[in-house]
Amino acid sequence: MDYAQLRMLLELVVTGLKDLVTHTMLPTLCKELGLPAPAADGSKRERITSSFDAVKDTDLPEVARKLLVRHPPDATTRNRIQDILWSDSACPPIPKRYRREVARRLNSEDLYGDARRFDELLERLWILDADDWMYLLGGTPTGLRTEIQQHVHRNPEDWPAETLFDRLGAYDASDRRFALFLEGLASADVRPDEAAQRHFVACVNKSLCSCGVEMRETGSEGGYPVFSIVSLHLAAKGRPKNLIFASPDKPDLRFRDALDNDIEIVSNADKVLVYDRPIGNDGLRWNDLQQWWSDTEQIADATQAKRSLYSRLKASLPSNSPPQSLLFEAFYEGFRSAVPNLPALLPEVWLHWDPRTVKARGPDALLRFRMDFLLLLPQGVRIVIEVDGKHHYADSADKADVQRYAQMVRADRELKLAGYEVFRFGAAELQVPTDKAEVKVFFEALFKRYGVLTN
């Protein structure tokens, strides 16, 4: 992320806000934006400037996000700030060639169902300059906003989708902005009809799939499907439905209602957790998990819910595997205040559940019943983390076991083909507390690779 450019853009906007408040209200404004308390003396410009200058580079993204919500600047500045914030995002690339192919396919399609929501989408993402001076002087308004009203709404035959995309700057926009544009066009706000949504997505995917990307149903809102741009190479095909975790022992489960996919814990309910809420395109964050835990356990106090959930997850780790405990502790201790907005590190996750044993099932048995850790990242990315003790590659006599090792790598292949990314730690890497620093370095690199912000 270009912190220097972000600081320059934010400083111009933040210092300009001094005219919106009095000296008395200036501390409230700074607090609202996540800035330090301003100095007591000096002009308003001097006070707010000194407050902004005290912000660390790593805190600038959060200041920017608050600014865009509470005091949005003009569209040009807004877009420049957004593109810097999105520069580290995990959005898959969509080359210009395929953007043009999408536009060509849409030439003969309806661009929207709700004109007002379509215009709002354009306003949120693009720069629709208008000559307001001409309007105030009694002249005819000009600019892209006016042209869209004329050539897209009143006379839709004037501009095919290719022309609109070109005038908006969609071909050269960042991947994230273009993805948000397509997701917005597929939304129920712009297309308040599910059949129309699915028709649009099918049309767009004919071009997107050629560059390893597709629009996929990732959730629901208000009874309508929600579609998101995902990579065909990284994301698993389906959406998580039942997340069974925090149980080192095989859980005793049954379907209470097979049609609704409702799972019942038959016995020892305190030894297994089942997260049964929808998991959307943002993945599963600690905040989501903590809210679920708070509701399930009826814990009103947020701090108490956080502590009890952490304790419950930690208690599920195998007592004979200190390295797993060290990795778990290193993650949550290392990121501390950033944890609520990060993907939750889930221990002892059940990938397969079969009422029969591997021996009874025979050659059709599913391998790798349980994963040491799982992270559900944005864009449908699923990360498996394994801590390998001697039992992964040696027999009970501590001799190398080629069959056991072969079974492990075969299970890895199957996971990767199913859309999971697998990362392994050797238990020897996680022996002493000082190893926690290396664990944090790994997770920082992992999150950077997939565009997950850690500040």
Protein backbone atom coordinates (compact mmCIF):
# COMPACT_ATOMS: atom_id res chain seq x y z
CA MET A 1 0.00 0.00 0.00
CA ASP A 2 1.31 3.46 -0.90
CA TYR A 3 1.13 5.12 2.51
CA ALA A 4 2.82 8.31 1.31
CA GLN A 5 0.20 8.87 -1.40
CA LEU A 6 -2.60 7.97 0.98
CA ARG A 7 -1.32 10.43 3.58
CA MET A 8 -1.13 13.21 1.01
CA LEU A 9 -4.70 12.63 -0.16
CA LEU A 10 -6.12 12.33 3.34
CA GLU A 11 -4.35 15.40 4.65
CA LEU A 12 -6.01 17.64 2.05
CA VAL A 13 -9.45 16.29 2.93
CA VAL A 14 -9.02 16.11 6.71
CA THR A 15 -7.63 19.61 7.12
CA GLY A 16 -10.46 20.95 4.96
CA LEU A 17 -12.98 19.66 7.52
CA LYS A 18 -11.92 22.37 9.99
CA ASP A 19 -14.53 24.69 8.52
CA LEU A 20 -17.32 22.28 9.47
CA VAL A 21 -16.75 22.53 13.22
CA THR A 22 -15.94 24.98 15.98
CA HIS A 23 -12.86 24.84 18.19
CA THR A 24 -14.97 23.13 20.84
CA MET A 25 -16.19 20.43 18.47
CA LEU A 26 -12.80 19.75 16.88
CA PRO A 27 -11.85 16.97 19.38
CA THR A 28 -15.14 15.21 18.58
CA LEU A 29 -14.36 15.34 14.85
CA CYS A 30 -10.88 13.92 15.43
CA LYS A 31 -12.24 11.09 17.56
CA GLU A 32 -14.85 10.32 14.90
CA LEU A 33 -12.09 9.85 12.31
CA GLY A 34 -9.79 7.88 14.60
CA LEU A 35 -7.30 10.75 15.01
CA PRO A 36 -5.47 11.59 18.23
CA ALA A 37 -6.91 14.39 20.38
CA PRO A 38 -5.82 17.76 18.93
CA ALA A 39 -3.67 20.25 20.80
CA ALA A 40 -5.52 22.71 23.00
CA ASP A 41 -3.91 25.81 21.47
CA GLY A 42 -3.51 27.17 17.95
CA SER A 43 -5.79 27.76 14.99
CA LYS A 44 -8.21 25.08 13.88
CA ARG A 45 -5.96 24.27 10.93
CA GLU A 46 -2.90 23.96 13.17
CA ARG A 47 -4.74 21.78 15.67
CA ILE A 48 -6.22 19.35 13.15
CA THR A 49 -2.98 19.22 11.15
CA SER A 50 -0.93 18.30 14.21
CA SER A 51 -3.48 15.63 15.09
CA PHE A 52 -3.34 14.12 11.60
CA ASP A 53 0.47 14.25 11.49
CA ALA A 54 0.58 12.13 14.65
CA VAL A 55 -1.22 9.24 12.95
CA LYS A 56 1.04 6.25 12.17
CA ASP A 57 1.16 5.03 8.57
CA THR A 58 -0.35 1.69 9.54
CA ASP A 59 -3.38 3.49 11.03
CA LEU A 60 -4.06 5.55 7.89
CA PRO A 61 -6.26 2.90 6.19
CA GLU A 62 -8.71 2.90 9.11
CA VAL A 63 -8.80 6.72 9.10
CA ALA A 64 -9.50 6.61 5.37
CA ARG A 65 -12.35 4.13 5.74
CA LYS A 66 -14.01 6.25 8.45
CA LEU A 67 -13.56 9.38 6.37
CA LEU A 68 -15.19 7.81 3.31
CA VAL A 69 -18.24 6.89 5.38
CA ARG A 70 -18.65 10.00 7.52
CA HIS A 71 -17.28 12.80 5.34
CA PRO A 72 -16.93 11.53 1.76
CA PRO A 73 -14.85 13.80 -0.49
CA ASP A 74 -15.47 14.51 -4.17
CA ALA A 75 -15.69 11.47 -6.45
CA THR A 76 -12.20 11.90 -7.92
CA THR A 77 -10.50 12.00 -4.52
CA ARG A 78 -12.76 9.25 -3.21
CA ASN A 79 -11.77 6.93 -6.05
CA ARG A 80 -8.07 7.61 -5.60
CA ILE A 81 -8.32 6.82 -1.89
CA GLN A 82 -10.36 3.68 -2.55
CA ASP A 83 -7.91 2.39 -5.13
CA ILE A 84 -5.03 2.75 -2.67
CA LEU A 85 -7.02 0.92 0.01
CA TRP A 86 -7.89 -1.83 -2.46
CA SER A 87 -4.34 -2.19 -3.80
CA ASP A 88 -3.65 -5.04 -1.35
CA SER A 89 -7.03 -6.69 -1.79
CA ALA A 90 -7.52 -10.29 -2.88
CA CYS A 91 -9.66 -9.42 -5.87
CA PRO A 92 -8.80 -11.69 -8.82
CA PRO A 93 -7.49 -9.93 -11.94
CA ILE A 94 -9.86 -9.28 -14.84
CA PRO A 95 -7.80 -8.17 -17.89
CA LYS A 96 -9.12 -5.47 -20.23
CA ARG A 97 -9.78 -7.95 -23.04
CA TYR A 98 -12.30 -9.88 -20.94
CA ARG A 99 -13.92 -6.69 -19.66
CA ARG A 100 -14.61 -5.76 -23.27
CA GLU A 101 -16.03 -9.21 -23.95
CA VAL A 102 -18.37 -8.81 -20.97
CA ALA A 103 -19.52 -5.44 -22.30
CA ARG A 104 -20.13 -6.89 -25.78
CA ARG A 105 -22.28 -9.65 -24.32
CA LEU A 106 -24.29 -7.04 -22.44
CA ASN A 107 -24.94 -4.94 -25.55
CA SER A 108 -28.19 -6.76 -26.14
CA GLU A 109 -29.12 -7.14 -22.45
CA ASP A 110 -30.99 -4.86 -20.05
CA LEU A 111 -28.42 -3.11 -17.87
CA TYR A 112 -30.80 -2.63 -14.97
CA GLY A 113 -34.28 -3.22 -13.64
CA ASP A 114 -34.41 -0.31 -11.19
CA ALA A 115 -33.17 2.94 -12.77
CA ARG A 116 -32.76 4.81 -9.48
CA ARG A 117 -30.64 2.07 -7.89
CA PHE A 118 -28.61 1.80 -11.11
CA ASP A 119 -27.81 5.51 -10.91
CA GLU A 120 -26.85 5.13 -7.24
CA LEU A 121 -24.46 2.33 -8.19
CA LEU A 122 -22.81 4.54 -10.78
CA GLU A 123 -22.51 7.40 -8.28
CA ARG A 124 -20.81 5.11 -5.73
CA LEU A 125 -18.17 3.80 -8.11
CA TRP A 126 -17.54 6.23 -10.93
CA ILE A 127 -16.76 9.90 -11.52
CA LEU A 128 -19.86 11.49 -13.04
CA ASP A 129 -18.74 15.09 -13.40
CA ALA A 130 -21.36 17.74 -14.11
CA ASP A 131 -20.92 21.42 -14.92
CA ASP A 132 -22.90 22.83 -12.01
CA TRP A 133 -21.97 26.42 -12.91
CA MET A 134 -23.82 26.13 -16.18
CA TYR A 135 -26.87 24.85 -14.32
CA LEU A 136 -26.75 27.69 -11.78
CA LEU A 137 -26.42 30.26 -14.56
CA GLY A 138 -29.52 28.90 -16.27
CA GLY A 139 -27.67 26.94 -18.92
CA THR A 140 -27.99 23.29 -19.85
CA PRO A 141 -26.14 20.92 -17.46
CA THR A 142 -23.34 18.96 -19.08
CA GLY A 143 -21.11 16.08 -18.06
CA LEU A 144 -21.27 12.31 -17.96
CA ARG A 145 -24.19 12.22 -15.53
CA THR A 146 -26.32 14.19 -17.97
CA GLU A 147 -25.18 12.10 -20.93
CA ILE A 148 -26.17 8.91 -19.13
CA GLN A 149 -29.66 10.30 -18.54
CA GLN A 150 -29.91 11.13 -22.23
CA HIS A 151 -28.28 8.10 -23.87
CA VAL A 152 -28.86 5.27 -21.37
CA HIS A 153 -32.21 6.10 -19.76
CA ARG A 154 -34.23 8.17 -22.25
CA ASN A 155 -32.72 6.74 -25.43
CA PRO A 156 -31.14 3.40 -24.52
CA GLU A 157 -30.54 2.56 -28.16
CA ASP A 158 -27.94 5.39 -28.31
CA TRP A 159 -25.31 3.77 -26.12
CA PRO A 160 -24.58 0.04 -26.10
CA ALA A 161 -22.98 -1.33 -22.94
CA GLU A 162 -19.55 -1.07 -24.58
CA THR A 163 -19.92 2.71 -24.87
CA LEU A 164 -21.12 3.12 -21.30
CA PHE A 165 -18.27 0.99 -19.94
CA ASP A 166 -15.80 3.06 -21.94
CA ARG A 167 -17.19 6.42 -20.80
CA LEU A 168 -17.21 5.31 -17.17
CA GLY A 169 -13.57 4.20 -17.38
CA ALA A 170 -14.46 0.60 -16.59
CA TYR A 171 -11.85 -0.90 -18.93
CA ASP A 172 -8.96 0.78 -17.11
CA ALA A 173 -10.35 0.77 -13.57
CA SER A 174 -8.84 -1.31 -10.78
CA ASP A 175 -9.89 -4.96 -10.62
CA ARG A 176 -11.71 -4.32 -7.37
CA ARG A 177 -13.75 -1.43 -8.80
CA PHE A 178 -14.70 -3.41 -11.89
CA ALA A 179 -15.69 -6.40 -9.75
CA LEU A 180 -17.86 -4.21 -7.54
CA PHE A 181 -19.51 -2.79 -10.66
CA LEU A 182 -20.46 -6.25 -11.94
CA GLU A 183 -21.56 -7.37 -8.48
CA GLY A 184 -23.71 -4.24 -8.25
CA LEU A 185 -25.28 -4.89 -11.65
CA ALA A 186 -26.12 -8.42 -10.49
CA SER A 187 -27.56 -7.26 -7.16
CA ALA A 188 -31.23 -7.41 -6.24
CA ASP A 189 -31.20 -3.63 -5.81
CA VAL A 190 -30.43 -3.06 -9.48
CA ARG A 191 -32.23 -6.25 -10.62
CA PRO A 192 -35.18 -6.86 -8.25
CA ASP A 193 -35.98 -10.19 -9.90
CA GLU A 194 -34.11 -13.42 -9.16
CA ALA A 195 -34.55 -14.81 -12.67
CA ALA A 196 -33.09 -11.60 -14.10
CA GLN A 197 -30.18 -11.80 -11.66
CA ARG A 198 -29.33 -15.35 -12.67
CA HIS A 199 -29.69 -14.56 -16.38
CA PHE A 200 -27.27 -11.65 -16.02
CA VAL A 201 -24.73 -13.77 -14.10
CA ALA A 202 -24.89 -16.59 -16.66
CA CYS A 203 -24.32 -14.07 -19.46
CA VAL A 204 -21.32 -12.43 -17.75
CA ASN A 205 -19.73 -15.73 -16.75
CA LYS A 206 -19.44 -16.81 -20.39
CA SER A 207 -16.66 -14.22 -20.71
CA LEU A 208 -15.24 -14.18 -17.19
CA CYS A 209 -14.56 -17.92 -17.03
CA SER A 210 -12.04 -17.56 -19.83
CA CYS A 211 -9.76 -15.57 -17.52
CA GLY A 212 -10.19 -17.86 -14.50
CA VAL A 213 -12.91 -15.82 -12.78
CA GLU A 214 -16.64 -16.20 -12.29
CA MET A 215 -19.60 -14.65 -10.53
CA ARG A 216 -20.78 -17.11 -7.90
CA GLU A 217 -23.69 -17.15 -5.50
CA THR A 218 -22.09 -16.53 -2.10
CA GLY A 219 -25.03 -15.62 0.13
CA SER A 220 -28.51 -14.19 0.31
CA GLU A 221 -30.05 -10.90 1.37
CA GLY A 222 -33.71 -10.09 1.69
CA GLY A 223 -34.63 -13.38 0.04
CA TYR A 224 -32.51 -12.68 -3.06
CA PRO A 225 -29.20 -14.33 -3.97
CA VAL A 226 -25.96 -12.38 -3.59
CA PHE A 227 -23.29 -12.88 -6.26
CA SER A 228 -19.57 -12.18 -5.92
CA ILE A 229 -16.54 -12.29 -8.18
CA VAL A 230 -14.29 -15.21 -7.20
CA SER A 231 -11.23 -16.90 -8.63
CA LEU A 232 -11.81 -20.31 -10.16
CA HIS A 233 -8.32 -21.33 -9.09
CA LEU A 234 -8.45 -20.46 -5.38
CA ALA A 235 -12.03 -20.67 -4.22
CA ALA A 236 -13.91 -23.82 -3.31
CA LYS A 237 -17.02 -24.46 -5.37
CA GLY A 238 -19.67 -24.65 -2.70
CA ARG A 239 -20.72 -22.47 0.23
CA PRO A 240 -20.09 -23.68 3.79
CA LYS A 241 -23.29 -25.09 5.30
CA ASN A 242 -22.22 -26.84 8.49
CA LEU A 243 -18.97 -25.98 10.23
CA ILE A 244 -18.19 -28.67 12.82
CA PHE A 245 -15.14 -27.80 14.91
CA ALA A 246 -13.42 -27.64 18.30
CA SER A 247 -13.77 -31.38 18.85
CA PRO A 248 -10.66 -33.61 18.90
CA ASP A 249 -12.90 -36.70 19.15
CA LYS A 250 -15.27 -37.90 16.47
CA PRO A 251 -18.62 -36.24 17.24
CA ASP A 252 -21.81 -38.22 17.65
CA LEU A 253 -24.04 -36.56 15.05
CA ARG A 254 -27.19 -37.23 13.13
CA PHE A 255 -29.42 -35.32 10.74
CA ARG A 256 -32.50 -34.06 12.57
CA ASP A 257 -33.95 -32.98 9.22
CA ALA A 258 -32.10 -34.16 6.12
CA LEU A 259 -34.12 -31.90 3.82
CA ASP A 260 -33.09 -28.79 5.74
CA ASN A 261 -29.59 -30.09 6.46
CA ASP A 262 -30.19 -29.67 10.21
CA ILE A 263 -27.58 -31.39 12.37
CA GLU A 264 -28.18 -32.63 15.92
CA ILE A 265 -25.44 -33.43 18.44
CA VAL A 266 -26.72 -36.66 19.94
CA SER A 267 -24.41 -36.87 22.94
CA ASN A 268 -21.57 -34.90 24.56
CA ALA A 269 -22.83 -31.64 23.07
CA ASP A 270 -20.29 -29.74 25.13
CA LYS A 271 -17.46 -31.41 23.20
CA VAL A 272 -18.31 -30.13 19.72
CA LEU A 273 -19.30 -26.82 18.18
CA VAL A 274 -21.44 -26.45 15.06
CA TYR A 275 -21.50 -23.02 13.45
CA ASP A 276 -24.73 -23.01 11.47
CA ARG A 277 -25.01 -19.42 10.28
CA PRO A 278 -24.51 -18.35 6.64
CA ILE A 279 -20.89 -17.65 5.70
CA GLY A 280 -20.74 -15.07 2.94
CA ASN A 281 -18.07 -13.66 0.69
CA ASP A 282 -16.25 -11.98 3.60
CA GLY A 283 -15.40 -15.37 5.08
CA LEU A 284 -15.73 -16.12 8.80
CA ARG A 285 -14.22 -13.44 11.03
CA TRP A 286 -13.68 -13.59 14.77
CA ASN A 287 -16.42 -10.96 15.21
CA ASP A 288 -18.91 -13.25 13.45
CA LEU A 289 -17.86 -16.24 15.54
CA GLN A 290 -18.00 -14.28 18.78
CA GLN A 291 -21.49 -12.96 18.00
CA TRP A 292 -22.68 -16.49 17.28
CA TRP A 293 -21.11 -17.73 20.52
CA SER A 294 -22.63 -14.87 22.50
CA ASP A 295 -26.10 -15.64 21.13
CA THR A 296 -25.75 -19.40 21.54
CA GLU A 297 -24.42 -19.26 25.09
CA GLN A 298 -26.54 -16.21 26.01
CA ILE A 299 -23.54 -14.15 27.11
CA ALA A 300 -24.46 -10.47 26.98
CA ASP A 301 -21.06 -9.06 27.95
CA ALA A 302 -18.77 -8.86 24.89
CA THR A 303 -15.55 -9.19 26.87
CA GLN A 304 -16.82 -12.25 28.69
CA ALA A 305 -17.98 -13.79 25.40
CA LYS A 306 -14.56 -13.20 23.83
CA ARG A 307 -12.69 -14.78 26.73
CA SER A 308 -14.97 -17.79 27.08
CA LEU A 309 -14.90 -18.50 23.34
CA TYR A 310 -11.10 -18.33 23.28
CA SER A 311 -10.93 -20.69 26.25
CA ARG A 312 -13.39 -23.09 24.66
CA LEU A 313 -11.40 -23.23 21.40
CA LYS A 314 -8.10 -23.65 23.21
CA ALA A 315 -9.51 -26.44 25.36
CA SER A 316 -10.32 -28.44 22.22
CA LEU A 317 -6.65 -28.73 21.23
CA PRO A 318 -5.09 -32.17 21.79
CA SER A 319 -3.28 -32.33 25.12
CA ASN A 320 -0.50 -34.37 23.50
CA SER A 321 0.31 -31.67 20.94
CA PRO A 322 1.98 -28.61 22.55
CA PRO A 323 3.04 -27.37 19.08
CA GLN A 324 -0.62 -26.97 18.07
CA SER A 325 -1.28 -24.98 21.23
CA LEU A 326 1.72 -22.77 20.54
CA LEU A 327 0.52 -22.00 17.02
CA PHE A 328 -2.99 -21.21 18.30
CA GLU A 329 -1.67 -18.90 21.01
CA ALA A 330 0.79 -17.24 18.63
CA PHE A 331 -2.00 -16.29 16.24
CA TYR A 332 -4.31 -14.69 18.76
CA GLU A 333 -1.57 -13.13 20.89
CA GLY A 334 0.31 -11.83 17.85
CA PHE A 335 -2.56 -9.88 16.27
CA ARG A 336 -4.39 -8.87 19.46
CA SER A 337 -6.51 -5.77 18.66
CA ALA A 338 -6.72 -6.71 14.96
CA VAL A 339 -8.21 -10.15 15.71
CA PRO A 340 -11.93 -9.13 15.64
CA ASN A 341 -11.76 -8.26 11.93
CA LEU A 342 -9.44 -11.11 10.94
CA PRO A 343 -10.52 -14.58 9.82
CA ALA A 344 -11.02 -16.78 12.88
CA LEU A 345 -8.44 -19.54 13.35
CA LEU A 346 -10.65 -22.59 13.94
CA PRO A 347 -9.11 -25.65 15.61
CA GLU A 348 -10.02 -29.30 15.14
CA VAL A 349 -12.35 -28.89 12.16
CA TRP A 350 -14.17 -31.94 10.81
CA LEU A 351 -13.88 -32.08 7.05
CA HIS A 352 -15.59 -35.45 6.55
CA TRP A 353 -18.07 -37.27 8.73
CA ASP A 354 -18.87 -40.88 8.08
CA PRO A 355 -20.79 -43.09 10.54
CA ARG A 356 -18.63 -46.02 9.45
CA THR A 357 -15.00 -46.53 10.29
CA VAL A 358 -12.28 -46.37 7.64
CA LYS A 359 -11.87 -50.14 7.98
CA ALA A 360 -15.59 -50.75 7.47
CA ARG A 361 -15.79 -48.36 4.52
CA GLY A 362 -12.80 -49.93 2.80
CA PRO A 363 -11.27 -48.43 -0.37
CA ASP A 364 -14.06 -45.82 -0.57
CA ALA A 365 -13.15 -44.32 2.80
CA LEU A 366 -12.61 -40.56 2.90
CA LEU A 367 -9.17 -39.49 4.06
CA ARG A 368 -8.25 -36.63 6.39
CA PHE A 369 -11.36 -36.65 8.57
CA ARG A 370 -10.18 -33.74 10.66
CA MET A 371 -8.06 -30.64 10.01
CA ASP A 372 -5.80 -29.13 12.68
CA PHE A 373 -6.82 -25.58 11.78
CA LEU A 374 -9.05 -23.89 9.20
CA LEU A 375 -9.34 -20.27 8.07
CA LEU A 376 -12.24 -19.12 5.88
CA LEU A 377 -10.97 -16.04 4.04
CA PRO A 378 -12.80 -13.58 1.79
CA GLN A 379 -13.63 -14.58 -1.79
CA GLY A 380 -14.27 -18.19 -0.77
CA VAL A 381 -10.60 -18.96 -0.02
CA ARG A 382 -10.18 -21.86 2.43
CA ILE A 383 -6.87 -22.29 4.22
CA VAL A 384 -5.94 -25.53 6.00
CA ILE A 385 -3.02 -25.50 8.45
CA GLU A 386 -1.54 -28.76 9.66
CA VAL A 387 1.02 -29.30 12.41
CA ASP A 388 2.96 -32.46 11.62
CA GLY A 389 4.15 -34.60 14.49
CA LYS A 390 5.97 -37.90 14.06
CA HIS A 391 2.69 -39.77 13.60
CA HIS A 392 2.37 -38.13 10.17
CA TYR A 393 5.42 -39.91 8.77
CA ALA A 394 6.58 -42.56 11.27
CA ASP A 395 5.16 -45.70 12.87
CA SER A 396 4.78 -46.44 16.57
CA ALA A 397 8.45 -47.44 16.70
CA ASP A 398 9.50 -44.02 15.34
CA LYS A 399 10.62 -45.56 12.05
CA ALA A 400 9.84 -43.90 8.72
CA ASP A 401 6.54 -45.18 7.38
CA VAL A 402 6.30 -44.64 3.62
CA GLN A 403 2.67 -45.77 3.51
CA ARG A 404 1.62 -43.27 6.18
CA TYR A 405 3.47 -40.48 4.38
CA ALA A 406 1.92 -41.46 1.04
CA GLN A 407 -1.55 -41.36 2.57
CA MET A 408 -0.87 -37.86 3.91
CA VAL A 409 0.28 -36.41 0.58
CA ARG A 410 -2.62 -38.09 -1.23
CA ALA A 411 -5.05 -36.41 1.19
CA ASP A 412 -3.29 -33.08 0.51
CA ARG A 413 -3.82 -33.51 -3.22
CA GLU A 414 -7.51 -34.22 -2.70
CA LEU A 415 -7.90 -31.14 -0.54
CA LYS A 416 -6.19 -28.92 -3.08
CA LEU A 417 -8.30 -30.27 -5.92
CA ALA A 418 -11.39 -29.54 -3.80
CA GLY A 419 -10.33 -25.89 -3.55
CA TYR A 420 -8.42 -25.80 -0.25
CA GLU A 421 -4.95 -24.34 0.23
CA VAL A 422 -2.82 -26.48 2.55
CA PHE A 423 0.12 -25.20 4.64
CA ARG A 424 2.15 -27.41 6.95
CA PHE A 425 4.28 -26.75 10.02
CA GLY A 426 6.69 -29.33 11.35
CA ALA A 427 6.17 -29.84 15.07
CA ALA A 428 9.89 -29.19 15.53
CA GLU A 429 9.28 -25.58 14.40
CA LEU A 430 6.91 -24.98 17.32
CA GLN A 431 8.80 -26.01 20.42
CA VAL A 432 9.57 -22.85 22.43
CA PRO A 433 7.75 -19.52 23.03
CA THR A 434 10.23 -17.63 20.84
CA ASP A 435 8.85 -19.57 17.86
CA LYS A 436 5.65 -17.52 18.14
CA ALA A 437 7.32 -14.64 16.31
CA GLU A 438 7.87 -16.85 13.26
CA VAL A 439 4.24 -17.97 13.35
CA LYS A 440 3.09 -14.35 13.20
CA VAL A 441 5.44 -13.67 10.28
CA PHE A 442 3.82 -16.57 8.43
CA PHE A 443 0.28 -15.32 9.03
CA GLU A 444 1.23 -11.77 8.03
CA ALA A 445 2.61 -13.09 4.74
CA LEU A 446 -0.45 -15.32 4.26
CA PHE A 447 -2.89 -12.46 4.80
CA LYS A 448 -0.89 -10.17 2.53
CA ARG A 449 -1.03 -12.78 -0.22
CA TYR A 450 -4.79 -12.98 -0.02
CA GLY A 451 -5.40 -9.28 0.57
CA VAL A 452 -6.59 -9.52 4.18
CA LEU A 453 -5.86 -6.29 6.05
CA THR A 454 -4.24 -6.70 9.47
CA ASN A 455 -4.62 -3.12 10.66
